[in-house]
Amino acid sequence: MALSGIELPVMQWDGENLKENWRRFKQHVELMFSGLLRSKNEAEKCSYLLIWVGQKGRDIYNTWSDISETNRGKLKTYYDRFEKHVNPKANPVFARYKFHNKIQGPTEPVEEFTTELQLLAQDCEFHDQNEMVRDRIVFGTNSNKVREKLIMEGAELTLEKAIQIARTYEKPKPNSKACLLKTRKKAFT
């Protein structure tokens, strides 16, 4: 089976958030295994995984001297071992530090900002994660108009509503501005 033209999974070992990089990589791998490569046996899938994790991943694999021959052919063994490697003991204080210092960049779209907040919040062990993300949107938005509108909502403000309001006030992209001008021109001709 040819895989040419198909985007193959690539593990990003050098990224800032190794745990998230692994989650995305594994999701891509599992899509490949349940789709194009579903006819491959488990040992073959393990070989594909070792190719896709790259040299750094194979170096990690080569340290696993305590795995039996039976388990070397099981995908779960590989997943468990790599997850153990990328998921160091949780440090909620550091996770909260990163979360509370996240602010929306000057050109960062609302979608990216809110998604990043939700990902950062996962390791924070907050009692109410949605409430904390909602509050961080209020404190971290790059728009005073959005912040004012969010604060005016008061106790009625939910995470979903905060995201919706932030999207509404997001500055249009340059292309959408041009479309708006063309539409207005046509309306008056």
C-alpha atoms as a PDB file:
ATOM      1  CA  MET A   1       0.000   0.000   0.000  1.00  0.00           C
ATOM      2  CA  ALA A   2       1.457   3.292  -1.068  1.00  0.00           C
ATOM      3  CA  LEU A   3       1.403   6.156   1.391  1.00  0.00           C
ATOM      4  CA  SER A   4       2.679   8.741  -1.065  1.00  0.00           C
ATOM      5  CA  GLY A   5       0.778  11.990  -0.908  1.00  0.00           C
ATOM      6  CA  ILE A   6      -0.480  11.213   2.612  1.00  0.00           C
ATOM      7  CA  GLU A   7       0.688  13.367   5.524  1.00  0.00           C
ATOM      8  CA  LEU A   8       2.537  10.979   7.816  1.00  0.00           C
ATOM      9  CA  PRO A   9       2.667  11.399  11.593  1.00  0.00           C
ATOM     10  CA  VAL A  10       5.811  13.107  12.873  1.00  0.00           C
ATOM     11  CA  MET A  11       6.571  13.333  16.579  1.00  0.00           C
ATOM     12  CA  GLN A  12       7.858  16.764  17.614  1.00  0.00           C
ATOM     13  CA  TRP A  13      10.313  15.942  20.415  1.00  0.00           C
ATOM     14  CA  ASP A  14      11.727  19.454  20.638  1.00  0.00           C
ATOM     15  CA  GLY A  15       8.454  21.272  21.293  1.00  0.00           C
ATOM     16  CA  GLU A  16       7.615  23.177  24.454  1.00  0.00           C
ATOM     17  CA  ASN A  17       4.664  20.944  25.382  1.00  0.00           C
ATOM     18  CA  LEU A  18       5.835  17.365  24.910  1.00  0.00           C
ATOM     19  CA  LYS A  19       2.675  15.894  26.408  1.00  0.00           C
ATOM     20  CA  GLU A  20       0.462  17.756  23.915  1.00  0.00           C
ATOM     21  CA  ASN A  21       2.798  16.929  21.026  1.00  0.00           C
ATOM     22  CA  TRP A  22       2.506  13.238  21.926  1.00  0.00           C
ATOM     23  CA  ARG A  23      -1.294  13.438  22.167  1.00  0.00           C
ATOM     24  CA  ARG A  24      -1.533  14.956  18.677  1.00  0.00           C
ATOM     25  CA  PHE A  25       1.013  12.513  17.256  1.00  0.00           C
ATOM     26  CA  LYS A  26      -0.768   9.498  18.751  1.00  0.00           C
ATOM     27  CA  GLN A  27      -4.119  10.716  17.435  1.00  0.00           C
ATOM     28  CA  HIS A  28      -2.646  10.969  13.924  1.00  0.00           C
ATOM     29  CA  VAL A  29      -1.057   7.506  14.266  1.00  0.00           C
ATOM     30  CA  GLU A  30      -4.346   5.947  15.388  1.00  0.00           C
ATOM     31  CA  LEU A  31      -6.157   7.529  12.440  1.00  0.00           C
ATOM     32  CA  MET A  32      -3.572   5.972  10.105  1.00  0.00           C
ATOM     33  CA  PHE A  33      -3.930   2.576  11.802  1.00  0.00           C
ATOM     34  CA  SER A  34      -7.724   2.623  11.679  1.00  0.00           C
ATOM     35  CA  GLY A  35      -7.754   3.923   8.103  1.00  0.00           C
ATOM     36  CA  LEU A  36      -5.128   3.255   5.458  1.00  0.00           C
ATOM     37  CA  LEU A  37      -3.124   0.765   7.538  1.00  0.00           C
ATOM     38  CA  ARG A  38      -5.990  -1.141   9.174  1.00  0.00           C
ATOM     39  CA  SER A  39      -5.007  -4.374   7.371  1.00  0.00           C
ATOM     40  CA  LYS A  40      -1.530  -4.378   8.955  1.00  0.00           C
ATOM     41  CA  ASN A  41      -0.906  -6.703  11.882  1.00  0.00           C
ATOM     42  CA  GLU A  42       0.109  -5.353  15.276  1.00  0.00           C
ATOM     43  CA  ALA A  43       3.839  -6.043  14.849  1.00  0.00           C
ATOM     44  CA  GLU A  44       3.829  -4.133  11.551  1.00  0.00           C
ATOM     45  CA  LYS A  45       2.014  -1.239  13.221  1.00  0.00           C
ATOM     46  CA  CYS A  46       4.724  -1.197  15.913  1.00  0.00           C
ATOM     47  CA  SER A  47       7.334  -0.889  13.150  1.00  0.00           C
ATOM     48  CA  TYR A  48       5.452   2.014  11.570  1.00  0.00           C
ATOM     49  CA  LEU A  49       5.272   3.693  14.971  1.00  0.00           C
ATOM     50  CA  LEU A  50       9.036   3.330  15.427  1.00  0.00           C
ATOM     51  CA  ILE A  51       9.627   4.894  12.015  1.00  0.00           C
ATOM     52  CA  TRP A  52       7.298   7.816  12.742  1.00  0.00           C
ATOM     53  CA  VAL A  53       8.715   8.627  16.209  1.00  0.00           C
ATOM     54  CA  GLY A  54      12.020   9.465  14.535  1.00  0.00           C
ATOM     55  CA  GLN A  55      15.555   8.924  15.809  1.00  0.00           C
ATOM     56  CA  LYS A  56      14.885  10.464  19.235  1.00  0.00           C
ATOM     57  CA  GLY A  57      11.940   8.092  19.714  1.00  0.00           C
ATOM     58  CA  ARG A  58      14.020   5.108  18.620  1.00  0.00           C
ATOM     59  CA  ASP A  59      16.750   6.147  21.065  1.00  0.00           C
ATOM     60  CA  ILE A  60      14.127   6.090  23.831  1.00  0.00           C
ATOM     61  CA  TYR A  61      12.860   2.711  22.570  1.00  0.00           C
ATOM     62  CA  ASN A  62      16.400   1.293  22.700  1.00  0.00           C
ATOM     63  CA  THR A  63      16.486   1.909  26.466  1.00  0.00           C
ATOM     64  CA  TRP A  64      13.557  -0.467  27.065  1.00  0.00           C
ATOM     65  CA  SER A  65      15.577  -3.565  27.932  1.00  0.00           C
ATOM     66  CA  ASP A  66      12.951  -4.926  30.335  1.00  0.00           C
ATOM     67  CA  ILE A  67      10.230  -5.636  27.733  1.00  0.00           C
ATOM     68  CA  SER A  68       9.557  -9.269  26.860  1.00  0.00           C
ATOM     69  CA  GLU A  69       9.569 -10.437  23.232  1.00  0.00           C
ATOM     70  CA  THR A  70       5.796 -10.949  23.459  1.00  0.00           C
ATOM     71  CA  ASN A  71       5.199  -7.364  24.553  1.00  0.00           C
ATOM     72  CA  ARG A  72       7.594  -5.971  21.906  1.00  0.00           C
ATOM     73  CA  GLY A  73       4.940  -6.780  19.306  1.00  0.00           C
ATOM     74  CA  LYS A  74       2.111  -5.037  21.162  1.00  0.00           C
ATOM     75  CA  LEU A  75       1.213  -1.474  20.273  1.00  0.00           C
ATOM     76  CA  LYS A  76      -0.128  -0.835  23.788  1.00  0.00           C
ATOM     77  CA  THR A  77       3.347  -1.477  25.205  1.00  0.00           C
ATOM     78  CA  TYR A  78       4.824   1.208  22.967  1.00  0.00           C
ATOM     79  CA  TYR A  79       2.043   3.683  23.705  1.00  0.00           C
ATOM     80  CA  ASP A  80       2.344   3.115  27.465  1.00  0.00           C
ATOM     81  CA  ARG A  81       6.127   3.509  27.461  1.00  0.00           C
ATOM     82  CA  PHE A  82       6.158   6.645  25.313  1.00  0.00           C
ATOM     83  CA  GLU A  83       3.346   8.175  27.386  1.00  0.00           C
ATOM     84  CA  LYS A  84       5.319   7.478  30.553  1.00  0.00           C
ATOM     85  CA  HIS A  85       8.281   9.266  28.976  1.00  0.00           C
ATOM     86  CA  VAL A  86       6.366  12.372  27.856  1.00  0.00           C
ATOM     87  CA  ASN A  87       4.139  12.665  30.932  1.00  0.00           C
ATOM     88  CA  PRO A  88       6.455  13.523  33.782  1.00  0.00           C
ATOM     89  CA  LYS A  89       4.979  13.809  37.226  1.00  0.00           C
ATOM     90  CA  ALA A  90       2.420  16.603  37.119  1.00  0.00           C
ATOM     91  CA  ASN A  91       3.378  19.943  38.591  1.00  0.00           C
ATOM     92  CA  PRO A  92       0.106  21.868  38.945  1.00  0.00           C
ATOM     93  CA  VAL A  93       1.881  24.923  40.383  1.00  0.00           C
ATOM     94  CA  PHE A  94       4.037  25.309  37.263  1.00  0.00           C
ATOM     95  CA  ALA A  95       1.053  24.511  35.037  1.00  0.00           C
ATOM     96  CA  ARG A  96      -0.950  27.246  36.761  1.00  0.00           C
ATOM     97  CA  TYR A  97       1.955  29.660  36.419  1.00  0.00           C
ATOM     98  CA  LYS A  98       1.980  29.115  32.645  1.00  0.00           C
ATOM     99  CA  PHE A  99      -1.833  29.337  32.504  1.00  0.00           C
ATOM    100  CA  HIS A 100      -2.068  32.585  34.476  1.00  0.00           C
ATOM    101  CA  ASN A 101       0.682  34.210  32.410  1.00  0.00           C
ATOM    102  CA  LYS A 102      -0.955  33.421  29.076  1.00  0.00           C
ATOM    103  CA  ILE A 103      -2.182  36.557  27.334  1.00  0.00           C
ATOM    104  CA  GLN A 104      -3.538  36.936  23.839  1.00  0.00           C
ATOM    105  CA  GLY A 105      -0.877  38.099  21.412  1.00  0.00           C
ATOM    106  CA  PRO A 106      -1.517  41.268  19.399  1.00  0.00           C
ATOM    107  CA  THR A 107      -2.316  39.295  16.225  1.00  0.00           C
ATOM    108  CA  GLU A 108      -3.340  36.001  17.864  1.00  0.00           C
ATOM    109  CA  PRO A 109      -6.826  34.914  16.755  1.00  0.00           C
ATOM    110  CA  VAL A 110      -9.429  34.277  19.453  1.00  0.00           C
ATOM    111  CA  GLU A 111      -9.668  30.608  18.407  1.00  0.00           C
ATOM    112  CA  GLU A 112      -5.952  30.022  18.996  1.00  0.00           C
ATOM    113  CA  PHE A 113      -5.968  31.926  22.283  1.00  0.00           C
ATOM    114  CA  THR A 114      -8.953  30.078  23.754  1.00  0.00           C
ATOM    115  CA  THR A 115      -7.744  26.677  22.525  1.00  0.00           C
ATOM    116  CA  GLU A 116      -4.315  27.281  24.066  1.00  0.00           C
ATOM    117  CA  LEU A 117      -5.938  28.291  27.369  1.00  0.00           C
ATOM    118  CA  GLN A 118      -8.026  25.117  27.406  1.00  0.00           C
ATOM    119  CA  LEU A 119      -4.951  22.987  26.729  1.00  0.00           C
ATOM    120  CA  LEU A 120      -2.919  24.763  29.416  1.00  0.00           C
ATOM    121  CA  ALA A 121      -5.749  24.340  31.948  1.00  0.00           C
ATOM    122  CA  GLN A 122      -5.722  20.545  31.612  1.00  0.00           C
ATOM    123  CA  ASP A 123      -2.667  20.155  33.860  1.00  0.00           C
ATOM    124  CA  CYS A 124      -3.698  22.788  36.412  1.00  0.00           C
ATOM    125  CA  GLU A 125      -6.025  20.598  38.503  1.00  0.00           C
ATOM    126  CA  PHE A 126      -8.567  23.416  38.773  1.00  0.00           C
ATOM    127  CA  HIS A 127     -11.805  22.654  40.598  1.00  0.00           C
ATOM    128  CA  ASP A 128     -13.782  24.319  37.780  1.00  0.00           C
ATOM    129  CA  GLN A 129     -11.663  24.397  34.641  1.00  0.00           C
ATOM    130  CA  ASN A 130     -14.275  26.179  32.487  1.00  0.00           C
ATOM    131  CA  GLU A 131     -14.614  28.978  35.021  1.00  0.00           C
ATOM    132  CA  MET A 132     -10.853  29.494  35.161  1.00  0.00           C
ATOM    133  CA  VAL A 133     -10.532  29.558  31.357  1.00  0.00           C
ATOM    134  CA  ARG A 134     -13.426  32.021  31.181  1.00  0.00           C
ATOM    135  CA  ASP A 135     -11.708  34.299  33.701  1.00  0.00           C
ATOM    136  CA  ARG A 136      -8.376  34.034  31.874  1.00  0.00           C
ATOM    137  CA  ILE A 137     -10.099  35.153  28.660  1.00  0.00           C
ATOM    138  CA  VAL A 138     -11.330  38.232  30.554  1.00  0.00           C
ATOM    139  CA  PHE A 139      -7.880  39.019  31.990  1.00  0.00           C
ATOM    140  CA  GLY A 140      -5.818  37.972  28.974  1.00  0.00           C
ATOM    141  CA  THR A 141      -7.700  39.347  25.976  1.00  0.00           C
ATOM    142  CA  ASN A 142      -5.850  41.908  23.880  1.00  0.00           C
ATOM    143  CA  SER A 143      -9.014  43.995  23.428  1.00  0.00           C
ATOM    144  CA  ASN A 144     -10.303  46.443  26.026  1.00  0.00           C
ATOM    145  CA  LYS A 145     -13.716  46.397  24.295  1.00  0.00           C
ATOM    146  CA  VAL A 146     -13.955  42.631  24.715  1.00  0.00           C
ATOM    147  CA  ARG A 147     -12.836  42.859  28.344  1.00  0.00           C
ATOM    148  CA  GLU A 148     -15.462  45.535  29.100  1.00  0.00           C
ATOM    149  CA  LYS A 149     -18.225  43.511  27.425  1.00  0.00           C
ATOM    150  CA  LEU A 150     -17.215  40.345  29.292  1.00  0.00           C
ATOM    151  CA  ILE A 151     -17.143  42.133  32.650  1.00  0.00           C
ATOM    152  CA  MET A 152     -20.562  43.681  31.949  1.00  0.00           C
ATOM    153  CA  GLU A 153     -22.003  40.148  31.609  1.00  0.00           C
ATOM    154  CA  GLY A 154     -21.217  39.563  35.284  1.00  0.00           C
ATOM    155  CA  ALA A 155     -22.369  36.289  36.838  1.00  0.00           C
ATOM    156  CA  GLU A 156     -24.174  35.333  33.614  1.00  0.00           C
ATOM    157  CA  LEU A 157     -20.872  34.932  31.767  1.00  0.00           C
ATOM    158  CA  THR A 158     -20.083  31.325  30.821  1.00  0.00           C
ATOM    159  CA  LEU A 159     -17.031  30.039  28.972  1.00  0.00           C
ATOM    160  CA  GLU A 160     -19.074  29.531  25.814  1.00  0.00           C
ATOM    161  CA  LYS A 161     -20.504  33.043  26.017  1.00  0.00           C
ATOM    162  CA  ALA A 162     -17.043  34.541  26.640  1.00  0.00           C
ATOM    163  CA  ILE A 163     -15.664  32.822  23.533  1.00  0.00           C
ATOM    164  CA  GLN A 164     -18.682  33.921  21.492  1.00  0.00           C
ATOM    165  CA  ILE A 165     -18.308  37.559  22.592  1.00  0.00           C
ATOM    166  CA  ALA A 166     -14.559  37.539  21.916  1.00  0.00           C
ATOM    167  CA  ARG A 167     -15.176  36.139  18.413  1.00  0.00           C
ATOM    168  CA  THR A 168     -17.779  38.829  17.738  1.00  0.00           C
ATOM    169  CA  TYR A 169     -15.349  41.626  18.549  1.00  0.00           C
ATOM    170  CA  GLU A 170     -12.382  40.076  16.768  1.00  0.00           C
ATOM    171  CA  LYS A 171     -10.971  42.348  14.094  1.00  0.00           C
ATOM    172  CA  PRO A 172     -11.846  41.121  10.594  1.00  0.00           C
ATOM    173  CA  LYS A 173      -9.086  39.629   8.476  1.00  0.00           C
ATOM    174  CA  PRO A 174      -7.768  41.852   5.652  1.00  0.00           C
ATOM    175  CA  ASN A 175      -9.527  39.684   3.026  1.00  0.00           C
ATOM    176  CA  SER A 176     -12.874  39.891   4.820  1.00  0.00           C
ATOM    177  CA  LYS A 177     -12.562  43.693   4.902  1.00  0.00           C
ATOM    178  CA  ALA A 178     -12.067  43.739   1.123  1.00  0.00           C
ATOM    179  CA  CYS A 179     -15.110  41.484   0.665  1.00  0.00           C
ATOM    180  CA  LEU A 180     -17.189  43.801   2.848  1.00  0.00           C
ATOM    181  CA  LEU A 181     -16.162  46.820   0.761  1.00  0.00           C
ATOM    182  CA  LYS A 182     -17.000  44.989  -2.492  1.00  0.00           C
ATOM    183  CA  THR A 183     -20.387  43.964  -1.084  1.00  0.00           C
ATOM    184  CA  ARG A 184     -21.149  47.552  -0.058  1.00  0.00           C
ATOM    185  CA  LYS A 185     -20.087  48.825  -3.492  1.00  0.00           C
ATOM    186  CA  LYS A 186     -22.421  46.365  -5.248  1.00  0.00           C
ATOM    187  CA  ALA A 187     -25.299  47.323  -2.975  1.00  0.00           C
ATOM    188  CA  PHE A 188     -25.018  50.954  -4.038  1.00  0.00           C
ATOM    189  CA  THR A 189     -24.655  50.350  -7.790  1.00  0.00           C
END
